[in-house]
Amino acid sequence: MCGASFYLKGEKIMLKKTIPYIDLNGVERKEDFYFHLSKPEIVKMQTSVKGGYDVQLKSIGAGADGGQIMEFFEDLIKKAYGVKSEDGRRFMKSEEISRSFMESPAYEILFEELVTNDKAAADFVNAVMNVGNSTATSMISTNTQN
């Protein structure tokens, strides 16, 4: 699966992932999907758990609890997924937008990749959590135990 980031004056704006999948009618498709967390969203996530989101993520990764890992990625994708407005001025998010993506075969492809491929998972988290935050450090490192 391909990934690309959009930049503005050296700072990442959002993550674009191109996901090939077969839709529910059996048609092969390849679409771009966008993921972004604003600075306020990242701060809220950091303060929402004891020790911070990054500490929680590192402990989940170290513990290798499959259920926690899947729950983490489901939550992260739900929070980060959105749709760019046609004029590029807004990144729209809502329960309905998230649900429509999470009910698609493209979500299944992305989710499976993130919970089975350590490098893809680390790259996704680092890209989404660092979007627009040039001072942030990498949230997780690649765990090469697979």
N, C-alpha and C. Protein backbone atom coordinates (compact mmCIF):
# COMPACT_ATOMS: atom_id res chain seq x y z
N MET A 1 0.85 -1.17 0.00
CA MET A 1 0.00 0.00 0.00
C MET A 1 0.90 1.23 0.00
N CYS A 2 0.53 2.20 -0.78
CA CYS A 2 1.31 3.42 -0.91
C CYS A 2 0.89 4.43 0.15
N GLY A 3 1.80 5.29 0.52
CA GLY A 3 1.48 6.37 1.42
C GLY A 3 2.18 7.62 0.96
N ALA A 4 1.56 8.75 1.15
CA ALA A 4 2.16 10.02 0.78
C ALA A 4 1.72 11.04 1.80
N SER A 5 2.56 12.02 2.03
CA SER A 5 2.20 13.10 2.93
C SER A 5 2.17 14.39 2.15
N PHE A 6 1.28 15.30 2.54
CA PHE A 6 1.22 16.61 1.94
C PHE A 6 1.98 17.57 2.85
N TYR A 7 2.74 18.49 2.25
CA TYR A 7 3.57 19.41 3.02
C TYR A 7 3.20 20.85 2.71
N LEU A 8 3.33 21.71 3.70
CA LEU A 8 3.16 23.14 3.55
C LEU A 8 4.31 23.79 4.29
N LYS A 9 5.20 24.46 3.57
CA LYS A 9 6.36 25.12 4.17
C LYS A 9 7.13 24.18 5.09
N GLY A 10 7.36 22.95 4.63
CA GLY A 10 8.16 21.99 5.37
C GLY A 10 7.43 21.21 6.44
N GLU A 11 6.17 21.57 6.74
CA GLU A 11 5.41 20.84 7.76
C GLU A 11 4.38 19.95 7.09
N LYS A 12 4.23 18.73 7.61
CA LYS A 12 3.21 17.83 7.09
C LYS A 12 1.84 18.40 7.39
N ILE A 13 0.95 18.30 6.42
CA ILE A 13 -0.42 18.73 6.62
C ILE A 13 -1.30 17.53 6.90
N MET A 14 -1.16 16.49 6.10
CA MET A 14 -1.97 15.29 6.30
C MET A 14 -1.31 14.10 5.63
N LEU A 15 -1.78 12.94 6.00
CA LEU A 15 -1.30 11.70 5.42
C LEU A 15 -2.32 11.24 4.39
N LYS A 16 -1.84 10.91 3.20
CA LYS A 16 -2.69 10.33 2.16
C LYS A 16 -2.24 8.90 1.95
N LYS A 17 -3.18 7.98 2.06
CA LYS A 17 -2.88 6.57 1.80
C LYS A 17 -3.71 6.12 0.61
N THR A 18 -3.04 5.52 -0.35
CA THR A 18 -3.72 4.95 -1.51
C THR A 18 -3.94 3.48 -1.20
N ILE A 19 -5.20 3.08 -1.20
CA ILE A 19 -5.56 1.71 -0.80
C ILE A 19 -6.28 1.02 -1.96
N PRO A 20 -5.68 -0.06 -2.46
CA PRO A 20 -6.39 -0.87 -3.46
C PRO A 20 -7.29 -1.87 -2.74
N TYR A 21 -8.50 -2.06 -3.24
CA TYR A 21 -9.43 -3.00 -2.61
C TYR A 21 -10.48 -3.43 -3.62
N ILE A 22 -11.23 -4.45 -3.27
CA ILE A 22 -12.35 -4.90 -4.09
C ILE A 22 -13.62 -4.50 -3.35
N ASP A 23 -14.48 -3.72 -4.01
CA ASP A 23 -15.69 -3.24 -3.34
C ASP A 23 -16.73 -4.35 -3.20
N LEU A 24 -17.84 -4.03 -2.61
CA LEU A 24 -18.86 -5.03 -2.32
C LEU A 24 -19.58 -5.54 -3.56
N ASN A 25 -19.37 -4.89 -4.70
CA ASN A 25 -19.91 -5.36 -5.97
C ASN A 25 -18.89 -6.16 -6.75
N GLY A 26 -17.71 -6.40 -6.16
CA GLY A 26 -16.66 -7.17 -6.83
C GLY A 26 -15.80 -6.34 -7.78
N VAL A 27 -15.91 -5.02 -7.71
CA VAL A 27 -15.15 -4.13 -8.59
C VAL A 27 -13.82 -3.77 -7.92
N GLU A 28 -12.72 -3.95 -8.66
CA GLU A 28 -11.41 -3.55 -8.13
C GLU A 28 -11.32 -2.02 -8.15
N ARG A 29 -10.90 -1.47 -7.04
CA ARG A 29 -10.77 -0.02 -6.91
C ARG A 29 -9.42 0.32 -6.28
N LYS A 30 -9.02 1.56 -6.48
CA LYS A 30 -7.81 2.10 -5.86
C LYS A 30 -8.15 3.56 -5.54
N GLU A 31 -8.23 3.86 -4.24
CA GLU A 31 -8.65 5.19 -3.83
C GLU A 31 -7.67 5.80 -2.84
N ASP A 32 -7.67 7.13 -2.79
CA ASP A 32 -6.88 7.86 -1.81
C ASP A 32 -7.74 8.16 -0.60
N PHE A 33 -7.18 7.93 0.58
CA PHE A 33 -7.86 8.21 1.84
C PHE A 33 -6.95 9.11 2.67
N TYR A 34 -7.55 10.03 3.43
CA TYR A 34 -6.79 11.05 4.12
C TYR A 34 -6.94 10.94 5.64
N PHE A 35 -5.81 11.17 6.33
CA PHE A 35 -5.76 11.06 7.78
C PHE A 35 -5.03 12.29 8.33
N HIS A 36 -5.59 12.87 9.37
CA HIS A 36 -5.00 14.08 9.94
C HIS A 36 -5.47 14.25 11.38
N LEU A 37 -4.55 14.58 12.24
CA LEU A 37 -4.88 15.01 13.60
C LEU A 37 -4.33 16.41 13.77
N SER A 38 -5.18 17.33 14.18
CA SER A 38 -4.73 18.70 14.42
C SER A 38 -3.93 18.75 15.72
N LYS A 39 -3.23 19.84 15.93
CA LYS A 39 -2.48 19.99 17.18
C LYS A 39 -3.41 19.90 18.39
N PRO A 40 -4.58 20.57 18.37
CA PRO A 40 -5.48 20.42 19.53
C PRO A 40 -5.94 18.97 19.74
N GLU A 41 -6.19 18.24 18.66
CA GLU A 41 -6.59 16.84 18.81
C GLU A 41 -5.47 16.01 19.43
N ILE A 42 -4.24 16.26 19.03
CA ILE A 42 -3.10 15.53 19.60
C ILE A 42 -2.96 15.85 21.08
N VAL A 43 -3.09 17.13 21.44
CA VAL A 43 -2.98 17.52 22.85
C VAL A 43 -4.08 16.85 23.67
N LYS A 44 -5.31 16.85 23.16
CA LYS A 44 -6.42 16.19 23.87
C LYS A 44 -6.13 14.70 24.06
N MET A 45 -5.61 14.06 23.04
CA MET A 45 -5.29 12.64 23.14
C MET A 45 -4.20 12.42 24.17
N GLN A 46 -3.18 13.28 24.18
CA GLN A 46 -2.08 13.14 25.13
C GLN A 46 -2.57 13.26 26.58
N THR A 47 -3.53 14.16 26.81
CA THR A 47 -3.99 14.40 28.18
C THR A 47 -5.15 13.48 28.58
N SER A 48 -5.64 12.68 27.64
CA SER A 48 -6.80 11.84 27.93
C SER A 48 -6.45 10.54 28.66
N VAL A 49 -5.18 10.19 28.69
CA VAL A 49 -4.78 8.96 29.37
C VAL A 49 -3.62 9.24 30.32
N LYS A 50 -3.58 8.47 31.39
CA LYS A 50 -2.53 8.65 32.40
C LYS A 50 -1.16 8.43 31.77
N GLY A 51 -0.27 9.38 31.95
CA GLY A 51 1.09 9.29 31.43
C GLY A 51 1.21 9.78 30.00
N GLY A 52 0.10 10.02 29.34
CA GLY A 52 0.12 10.50 27.96
C GLY A 52 -0.11 9.37 26.97
N TYR A 53 -0.60 9.75 25.82
CA TYR A 53 -0.95 8.80 24.77
C TYR A 53 0.28 8.05 24.27
N ASP A 54 1.40 8.77 24.17
CA ASP A 54 2.62 8.12 23.67
C ASP A 54 3.11 7.05 24.64
N VAL A 55 3.00 7.29 25.95
CA VAL A 55 3.41 6.29 26.94
C VAL A 55 2.49 5.08 26.85
N GLN A 56 1.19 5.34 26.72
CA GLN A 56 0.23 4.25 26.59
C GLN A 56 0.54 3.42 25.34
N LEU A 57 0.82 4.09 24.24
CA LEU A 57 1.12 3.39 22.99
C LEU A 57 2.36 2.53 23.12
N LYS A 58 3.39 3.06 23.75
CA LYS A 58 4.61 2.28 23.93
C LYS A 58 4.37 1.05 24.81
N SER A 59 3.54 1.21 25.84
CA SER A 59 3.26 0.06 26.70
C SER A 59 2.41 -0.98 25.98
N ILE A 60 1.49 -0.54 25.13
CA ILE A 60 0.69 -1.48 24.33
C ILE A 60 1.60 -2.26 23.40
N GLY A 61 2.52 -1.56 22.74
CA GLY A 61 3.45 -2.21 21.81
C GLY A 61 4.36 -3.19 22.51
N ALA A 62 4.82 -2.83 23.71
CA ALA A 62 5.72 -3.71 24.46
C ALA A 62 5.00 -4.94 24.98
N GLY A 63 3.72 -4.77 25.34
CA GLY A 63 2.97 -5.88 25.91
C GLY A 63 2.46 -6.87 24.88
N ALA A 64 2.38 -6.47 23.64
CA ALA A 64 1.92 -7.33 22.54
C ALA A 64 0.55 -7.94 22.82
N ASP A 65 -0.35 -7.16 23.44
CA ASP A 65 -1.72 -7.61 23.67
C ASP A 65 -2.51 -7.29 22.41
N GLY A 66 -2.88 -8.32 21.66
CA GLY A 66 -3.55 -8.14 20.38
C GLY A 66 -4.83 -7.33 20.48
N GLY A 67 -5.61 -7.56 21.54
CA GLY A 67 -6.86 -6.83 21.72
C GLY A 67 -6.64 -5.34 21.90
N GLN A 68 -5.65 -4.98 22.72
CA GLN A 68 -5.34 -3.57 22.94
C GLN A 68 -4.81 -2.92 21.67
N ILE A 69 -3.99 -3.64 20.93
CA ILE A 69 -3.43 -3.10 19.69
C ILE A 69 -4.56 -2.81 18.69
N MET A 70 -5.49 -3.77 18.55
CA MET A 70 -6.60 -3.57 17.61
C MET A 70 -7.49 -2.41 18.05
N GLU A 71 -7.76 -2.32 19.34
CA GLU A 71 -8.58 -1.22 19.86
C GLU A 71 -7.89 0.12 19.63
N PHE A 72 -6.58 0.16 19.84
CA PHE A 72 -5.84 1.40 19.63
C PHE A 72 -5.96 1.86 18.17
N PHE A 73 -5.74 0.95 17.22
CA PHE A 73 -5.79 1.35 15.81
C PHE A 73 -7.19 1.71 15.36
N GLU A 74 -8.18 1.01 15.87
CA GLU A 74 -9.56 1.38 15.53
C GLU A 74 -9.85 2.80 15.99
N ASP A 75 -9.45 3.13 17.20
CA ASP A 75 -9.66 4.47 17.75
C ASP A 75 -8.87 5.52 16.98
N LEU A 76 -7.61 5.24 16.68
CA LEU A 76 -6.77 6.20 15.97
C LEU A 76 -7.32 6.47 14.57
N ILE A 77 -7.69 5.44 13.86
CA ILE A 77 -8.24 5.62 12.51
C ILE A 77 -9.52 6.43 12.58
N LYS A 78 -10.39 6.10 13.53
CA LYS A 78 -11.66 6.82 13.68
C LYS A 78 -11.42 8.31 13.93
N LYS A 79 -10.43 8.64 14.75
CA LYS A 79 -10.15 10.03 15.08
C LYS A 79 -9.43 10.77 13.94
N ALA A 80 -8.62 10.06 13.18
CA ALA A 80 -7.77 10.72 12.18
C ALA A 80 -8.40 10.80 10.79
N TYR A 81 -9.34 9.90 10.47
CA TYR A 81 -9.89 9.86 9.12
C TYR A 81 -10.83 11.04 8.85
N GLY A 82 -10.73 11.58 7.64
CA GLY A 82 -11.62 12.65 7.25
C GLY A 82 -11.62 12.82 5.75
N VAL A 83 -12.36 13.83 5.31
CA VAL A 83 -12.51 14.13 3.89
C VAL A 83 -12.14 15.58 3.68
N LYS A 84 -11.26 15.81 2.69
CA LYS A 84 -10.88 17.19 2.35
C LYS A 84 -12.03 17.86 1.61
N SER A 85 -12.27 19.12 1.94
CA SER A 85 -13.25 19.87 1.16
C SER A 85 -12.65 20.11 -0.23
N GLU A 86 -13.51 20.32 -1.21
CA GLU A 86 -13.03 20.50 -2.58
C GLU A 86 -12.11 21.69 -2.71
N ASP A 87 -12.36 22.75 -1.94
CA ASP A 87 -11.51 23.94 -2.03
C ASP A 87 -10.25 23.82 -1.17
N GLY A 88 -10.10 22.71 -0.42
CA GLY A 88 -8.91 22.49 0.39
C GLY A 88 -8.84 23.32 1.65
N ARG A 89 -9.93 23.95 2.04
CA ARG A 89 -9.91 24.82 3.21
C ARG A 89 -10.30 24.10 4.49
N ARG A 90 -10.94 22.94 4.36
CA ARG A 90 -11.40 22.23 5.54
C ARG A 90 -11.06 20.75 5.44
N PHE A 91 -10.88 20.14 6.59
CA PHE A 91 -10.74 18.69 6.68
C PHE A 91 -11.91 18.25 7.53
N MET A 92 -12.91 17.68 6.87
CA MET A 92 -14.18 17.39 7.53
C MET A 92 -14.16 16.03 8.20
N LYS A 93 -14.62 16.01 9.46
CA LYS A 93 -14.72 14.79 10.23
C LYS A 93 -16.07 14.77 10.92
N SER A 94 -16.62 13.58 11.03
CA SER A 94 -17.87 13.39 11.78
C SER A 94 -18.01 11.90 12.04
N GLU A 95 -18.96 11.57 12.90
CA GLU A 95 -19.24 10.15 13.16
C GLU A 95 -19.63 9.45 11.86
N GLU A 96 -20.46 10.12 11.05
CA GLU A 96 -20.93 9.52 9.80
C GLU A 96 -19.78 9.31 8.81
N ILE A 97 -18.88 10.29 8.70
CA ILE A 97 -17.74 10.16 7.79
C ILE A 97 -16.85 9.01 8.24
N SER A 98 -16.56 8.94 9.53
CA SER A 98 -15.73 7.85 10.05
C SER A 98 -16.40 6.50 9.84
N ARG A 99 -17.70 6.43 10.16
CA ARG A 99 -18.42 5.17 10.02
C ARG A 99 -18.46 4.71 8.57
N SER A 100 -18.65 5.64 7.64
CA SER A 100 -18.71 5.24 6.23
C SER A 100 -17.38 4.64 5.77
N PHE A 101 -16.26 5.17 6.26
CA PHE A 101 -14.96 4.58 5.92
C PHE A 101 -14.79 3.23 6.63
N MET A 102 -15.14 3.18 7.90
CA MET A 102 -14.90 1.97 8.69
C MET A 102 -15.82 0.81 8.30
N GLU A 103 -16.85 1.09 7.53
CA GLU A 103 -17.72 0.04 7.02
C GLU A 103 -17.32 -0.41 5.61
N SER A 104 -16.20 0.11 5.10
CA SER A 104 -15.77 -0.19 3.73
C SER A 104 -14.69 -1.26 3.70
N PRO A 105 -14.56 -1.94 2.57
CA PRO A 105 -13.47 -2.90 2.41
C PRO A 105 -12.08 -2.24 2.49
N ALA A 106 -11.98 -0.97 2.16
CA ALA A 106 -10.70 -0.27 2.25
C ALA A 106 -10.22 -0.21 3.71
N TYR A 107 -11.15 0.02 4.63
CA TYR A 107 -10.81 0.02 6.05
C TYR A 107 -10.27 -1.34 6.47
N GLU A 108 -10.92 -2.40 6.00
CA GLU A 108 -10.47 -3.75 6.34
C GLU A 108 -9.02 -3.96 5.92
N ILE A 109 -8.68 -3.49 4.72
CA ILE A 109 -7.31 -3.63 4.20
C ILE A 109 -6.34 -2.86 5.09
N LEU A 110 -6.67 -1.59 5.39
CA LEU A 110 -5.80 -0.76 6.23
C LEU A 110 -5.65 -1.36 7.62
N PHE A 111 -6.76 -1.73 8.24
CA PHE A 111 -6.73 -2.27 9.59
C PHE A 111 -5.87 -3.53 9.66
N GLU A 112 -6.06 -4.43 8.72
CA GLU A 112 -5.27 -5.66 8.71
C GLU A 112 -3.78 -5.35 8.57
N GLU A 113 -3.46 -4.41 7.70
CA GLU A 113 -2.05 -4.04 7.53
C GLU A 113 -1.46 -3.50 8.83
N LEU A 114 -2.20 -2.64 9.51
CA LEU A 114 -1.67 -2.01 10.72
C LEU A 114 -1.51 -2.97 11.88
N VAL A 115 -2.38 -3.97 11.99
CA VAL A 115 -2.26 -4.90 13.12
C VAL A 115 -1.37 -6.10 12.83
N THR A 116 -0.93 -6.25 11.58
CA THR A 116 -0.06 -7.39 11.26
C THR A 116 1.33 -7.00 10.78
N ASN A 117 1.56 -5.72 10.53
CA ASN A 117 2.83 -5.27 9.99
C ASN A 117 3.38 -4.16 10.88
N ASP A 118 4.39 -4.51 11.69
CA ASP A 118 4.95 -3.56 12.65
C ASP A 118 5.46 -2.27 12.00
N LYS A 119 6.14 -2.40 10.87
CA LYS A 119 6.70 -1.21 10.21
C LYS A 119 5.59 -0.31 9.69
N ALA A 120 4.58 -0.90 9.04
CA ALA A 120 3.45 -0.11 8.54
C ALA A 120 2.73 0.58 9.69
N ALA A 121 2.57 -0.12 10.81
CA ALA A 121 1.90 0.45 11.98
C ALA A 121 2.70 1.64 12.53
N ALA A 122 4.00 1.46 12.69
CA ALA A 122 4.85 2.54 13.21
C ALA A 122 4.84 3.73 12.26
N ASP A 123 4.95 3.47 10.97
CA ASP A 123 4.96 4.56 9.99
C ASP A 123 3.64 5.33 10.02
N PHE A 124 2.52 4.61 10.11
CA PHE A 124 1.21 5.26 10.13
C PHE A 124 1.06 6.13 11.38
N VAL A 125 1.35 5.57 12.55
CA VAL A 125 1.21 6.32 13.80
C VAL A 125 2.12 7.54 13.79
N ASN A 126 3.38 7.35 13.41
CA ASN A 126 4.31 8.47 13.40
C ASN A 126 3.87 9.55 12.43
N ALA A 127 3.38 9.17 11.26
CA ALA A 127 2.92 10.16 10.28
C ALA A 127 1.70 10.91 10.78
N VAL A 128 0.72 10.19 11.32
CA VAL A 128 -0.51 10.84 11.77
C VAL A 128 -0.26 11.69 13.02
N MET A 129 0.50 11.18 13.96
CA MET A 129 0.73 11.91 15.21
C MET A 129 1.69 13.09 15.03
N ASN A 130 2.49 13.09 13.98
CA ASN A 130 3.41 14.19 13.74
C ASN A 130 2.89 15.20 12.74
N VAL A 131 1.74 14.97 12.16
CA VAL A 131 1.18 15.88 11.17
C VAL A 131 1.05 17.27 11.78
N GLY A 132 1.67 18.26 11.11
CA GLY A 132 1.58 19.63 11.57
C GLY A 132 2.30 19.92 12.86
N ASN A 133 3.13 19.00 13.33
CA ASN A 133 3.80 19.18 14.60
C ASN A 133 5.27 18.85 14.44
N SER A 134 6.03 19.79 13.92
CA SER A 134 7.43 19.53 13.61
C SER A 134 8.28 19.28 14.83
N THR A 135 7.81 19.65 16.02
CA THR A 135 8.60 19.43 17.23
C THR A 135 8.32 18.09 17.88
N ALA A 136 7.31 17.39 17.39
CA ALA A 136 6.97 16.09 18.00
C ALA A 136 8.03 15.06 17.66
N THR A 137 8.26 14.16 18.57
CA THR A 137 9.18 13.06 18.31
C THR A 137 8.38 11.86 17.86
N SER A 138 9.03 10.91 17.27
CA SER A 138 8.34 9.70 16.83
C SER A 138 7.67 9.04 18.02
N MET A 139 6.41 8.67 17.82
CA MET A 139 5.62 8.08 18.90
C MET A 139 6.05 6.65 19.18
N ILE A 140 6.31 5.90 18.15
CA ILE A 140 6.73 4.53 18.36
C ILE A 140 7.83 4.20 17.38
N SER A 141 8.58 3.19 17.71
CA SER A 141 9.61 2.73 16.79
C SER A 141 9.17 1.38 16.24
N THR A 142 9.75 1.03 15.14
CA THR A 142 9.41 -0.25 14.53
C THR A 142 9.88 -1.37 15.43
N ASN A 143 8.98 -2.30 15.69
CA ASN A 143 9.30 -3.49 16.46
C ASN A 143 9.47 -4.62 15.46
N THR A 144 10.64 -5.13 15.31
CA THR A 144 10.93 -6.10 14.26
C THR A 144 10.88 -7.53 14.78
N GLN A 145 9.92 -7.83 15.63
CA GLN A 145 9.81 -9.19 16.17
C GLN A 145 9.09 -10.13 15.22
N ASN A 146 8.42 -9.61 14.20
CA ASN A 146 7.68 -10.50 13.27
C ASN A 146 8.61 -11.35 12.47
